[in-house]
Amino acid sequence: MTERTATIASRVGLHARPAAIFAEAAGELDLEVTIARQGEPADEAMDAASILSLMSLGAEHGDVVVLRAEGEGADAALENLVKILETDHDA
């Protein structure tokens, strides 16, 4: 299993527009990607392609989240998703 951490850069956190951008990118992958707040058990991770899951995560600006995926291309996919989370989409 591949794992990456990312710090939420958007000023409003992972809500509305940033969540939609991230969920769309995660949904386009041929991998199942999960997201959780850092420090939470892996079994509490949520579907990264679900905007409802992302918004219920409650990740705020500066929070660290953990992305996980398994399969061919997981490393590159997670790197791209980290870039999305670490960009302020509300600027």
C-alpha atoms as a PDB file:
ATOM      1  CA  MET A   1       0.000   0.000   0.000  1.00  0.00           C
ATOM      2  CA  THR A   2       1.270   3.426  -0.963  1.00  0.00           C
ATOM      3  CA  GLU A   3       0.762   6.289   1.465  1.00  0.00           C
ATOM      4  CA  ARG A   4       1.343  10.042   1.283  1.00  0.00           C
ATOM      5  CA  THR A   5       0.606  12.927   3.618  1.00  0.00           C
ATOM      6  CA  ALA A   6      -0.561  16.355   2.511  1.00  0.00           C
ATOM      7  CA  THR A   7      -1.228  19.635   4.275  1.00  0.00           C
ATOM      8  CA  ILE A   8      -4.489  21.319   3.290  1.00  0.00           C
ATOM      9  CA  ALA A   9      -3.564  24.636   1.659  1.00  0.00           C
ATOM     10  CA  SER A  10      -6.954  26.124   0.750  1.00  0.00           C
ATOM     11  CA  ARG A  11      -7.972  28.867   3.155  1.00  0.00           C
ATOM     12  CA  VAL A  12     -11.447  27.368   3.586  1.00  0.00           C
ATOM     13  CA  GLY A  13     -10.094  23.862   4.105  1.00  0.00           C
ATOM     14  CA  LEU A  14     -11.304  20.869   2.136  1.00  0.00           C
ATOM     15  CA  HIS A  15     -14.777  22.269   1.445  1.00  0.00           C
ATOM     16  CA  ALA A  16     -16.853  23.160  -1.632  1.00  0.00           C
ATOM     17  CA  ARG A  17     -14.569  24.043  -4.549  1.00  0.00           C
ATOM     18  CA  PRO A  18     -11.333  22.427  -3.274  1.00  0.00           C
ATOM     19  CA  ALA A  19     -13.246  19.247  -2.373  1.00  0.00           C
ATOM     20  CA  ALA A  20     -14.892  19.131  -5.799  1.00  0.00           C
ATOM     21  CA  ILE A  21     -11.565  19.536  -7.602  1.00  0.00           C
ATOM     22  CA  PHE A  22      -9.955  16.827  -5.470  1.00  0.00           C
ATOM     23  CA  ALA A  23     -12.897  14.387  -5.701  1.00  0.00           C
ATOM     24  CA  GLU A  24     -13.006  14.718  -9.480  1.00  0.00           C
ATOM     25  CA  ALA A  25      -9.284  13.999  -9.792  1.00  0.00           C
ATOM     26  CA  ALA A  26      -9.524  11.006  -7.430  1.00  0.00           C
ATOM     27  CA  GLY A  27     -12.570   9.678  -9.295  1.00  0.00           C
ATOM     28  CA  GLU A  28     -10.733   9.700 -12.617  1.00  0.00           C
ATOM     29  CA  LEU A  29      -8.166   7.205 -11.325  1.00  0.00           C
ATOM     30  CA  ASP A  30      -8.307   3.449 -11.850  1.00  0.00           C
ATOM     31  CA  LEU A  31      -7.392   3.084  -8.188  1.00  0.00           C
ATOM     32  CA  GLU A  32      -9.328   3.177  -4.964  1.00  0.00           C
ATOM     33  CA  VAL A  33      -7.921   6.098  -2.992  1.00  0.00           C
ATOM     34  CA  THR A  34      -8.762   6.754   0.643  1.00  0.00           C
ATOM     35  CA  ILE A  35      -8.258   9.839   2.784  1.00  0.00           C
ATOM     36  CA  ALA A  36      -8.134  10.287   6.554  1.00  0.00           C
ATOM     37  CA  ARG A  37      -6.971  12.914   8.985  1.00  0.00           C
ATOM     38  CA  GLN A  38      -3.486  12.200  10.232  1.00  0.00           C
ATOM     39  CA  GLY A  39      -3.567  10.132  13.408  1.00  0.00           C
ATOM     40  CA  GLU A  40      -6.864   8.410  12.639  1.00  0.00           C
ATOM     41  CA  PRO A  41      -6.926   4.624  12.202  1.00  0.00           C
ATOM     42  CA  ALA A  42      -6.704   3.390   8.605  1.00  0.00           C
ATOM     43  CA  ASP A  43     -10.087   1.676   8.964  1.00  0.00           C
ATOM     44  CA  GLU A  44     -11.707   5.107   9.403  1.00  0.00           C
ATOM     45  CA  ALA A  45     -10.396   6.330   6.035  1.00  0.00           C
ATOM     46  CA  MET A  46     -12.988   7.591   3.559  1.00  0.00           C
ATOM     47  CA  ASP A  47     -13.416   7.329  -0.194  1.00  0.00           C
ATOM     48  CA  ALA A  48     -11.364  10.177  -1.676  1.00  0.00           C
ATOM     49  CA  ALA A  49     -13.586  10.323  -4.774  1.00  0.00           C
ATOM     50  CA  SER A  50     -16.709  11.115  -2.731  1.00  0.00           C
ATOM     51  CA  ILE A  51     -17.326  14.820  -2.230  1.00  0.00           C
ATOM     52  CA  LEU A  52     -19.677  14.040   0.664  1.00  0.00           C
ATOM     53  CA  SER A  53     -16.951  12.029   2.399  1.00  0.00           C
ATOM     54  CA  LEU A  54     -14.440  14.812   1.838  1.00  0.00           C
ATOM     55  CA  MET A  55     -16.712  17.462   3.283  1.00  0.00           C
ATOM     56  CA  SER A  56     -17.608  15.299   6.285  1.00  0.00           C
ATOM     57  CA  LEU A  57     -13.889  14.792   6.943  1.00  0.00           C
ATOM     58  CA  GLY A  58     -13.809  18.371   8.237  1.00  0.00           C
ATOM     59  CA  ALA A  59     -10.221  19.025   7.155  1.00  0.00           C
ATOM     60  CA  GLU A  60      -9.343  22.677   7.724  1.00  0.00           C
ATOM     61  CA  HIS A  61      -6.521  24.878   6.409  1.00  0.00           C
ATOM     62  CA  GLY A  62      -3.228  23.541   7.767  1.00  0.00           C
ATOM     63  CA  ASP A  63      -4.582  20.100   8.716  1.00  0.00           C
ATOM     64  CA  VAL A  64      -2.568  17.067   7.617  1.00  0.00           C
ATOM     65  CA  VAL A  65      -4.346  14.225   5.843  1.00  0.00           C
ATOM     66  CA  VAL A  66      -3.166  10.778   4.798  1.00  0.00           C
ATOM     67  CA  LEU A  67      -3.871   9.424   1.324  1.00  0.00           C
ATOM     68  CA  ARG A  68      -3.608   5.692   0.620  1.00  0.00           C
ATOM     69  CA  ALA A  69      -3.886   3.643  -2.569  1.00  0.00           C
ATOM     70  CA  GLU A  70      -2.740   0.277  -3.809  1.00  0.00           C
ATOM     71  CA  GLY A  71      -1.961  -0.865  -7.308  1.00  0.00           C
ATOM     72  CA  GLU A  72      -0.031   0.030 -10.388  1.00  0.00           C
ATOM     73  CA  GLY A  73       0.497   3.768 -10.672  1.00  0.00           C
ATOM     74  CA  ALA A  74      -0.377   4.482  -7.037  1.00  0.00           C
ATOM     75  CA  ASP A  75       2.810   6.456  -6.381  1.00  0.00           C
ATOM     76  CA  ALA A  76       2.284   8.889  -9.258  1.00  0.00           C
ATOM     77  CA  ALA A  77      -1.450   9.158  -8.588  1.00  0.00           C
ATOM     78  CA  LEU A  78      -0.946  10.065  -4.946  1.00  0.00           C
ATOM     79  CA  GLU A  79       1.763  12.596  -5.822  1.00  0.00           C
ATOM     80  CA  ASN A  80      -0.709  14.361  -8.137  1.00  0.00           C
ATOM     81  CA  LEU A  81      -3.438  14.320  -5.496  1.00  0.00           C
ATOM     82  CA  VAL A  82      -1.030  15.750  -2.907  1.00  0.00           C
ATOM     83  CA  LYS A  83      -0.309  18.647  -5.280  1.00  0.00           C
ATOM     84  CA  ILE A  84      -4.033  19.385  -5.491  1.00  0.00           C
ATOM     85  CA  LEU A  85      -4.427  19.419  -1.708  1.00  0.00           C
ATOM     86  CA  GLU A  86      -1.326  21.553  -1.228  1.00  0.00           C
ATOM     87  CA  THR A  87      -2.599  24.251  -3.621  1.00  0.00           C
ATOM     88  CA  ASP A  88      -4.816  27.082  -2.374  1.00  0.00           C
ATOM     89  CA  HIS A  89      -7.790  26.861  -4.744  1.00  0.00           C
ATOM     90  CA  ASP A  90      -9.441  29.855  -3.075  1.00  0.00           C
ATOM     91  CA  ALA A  91      -6.691  32.350  -3.822  1.00  0.00           C
END
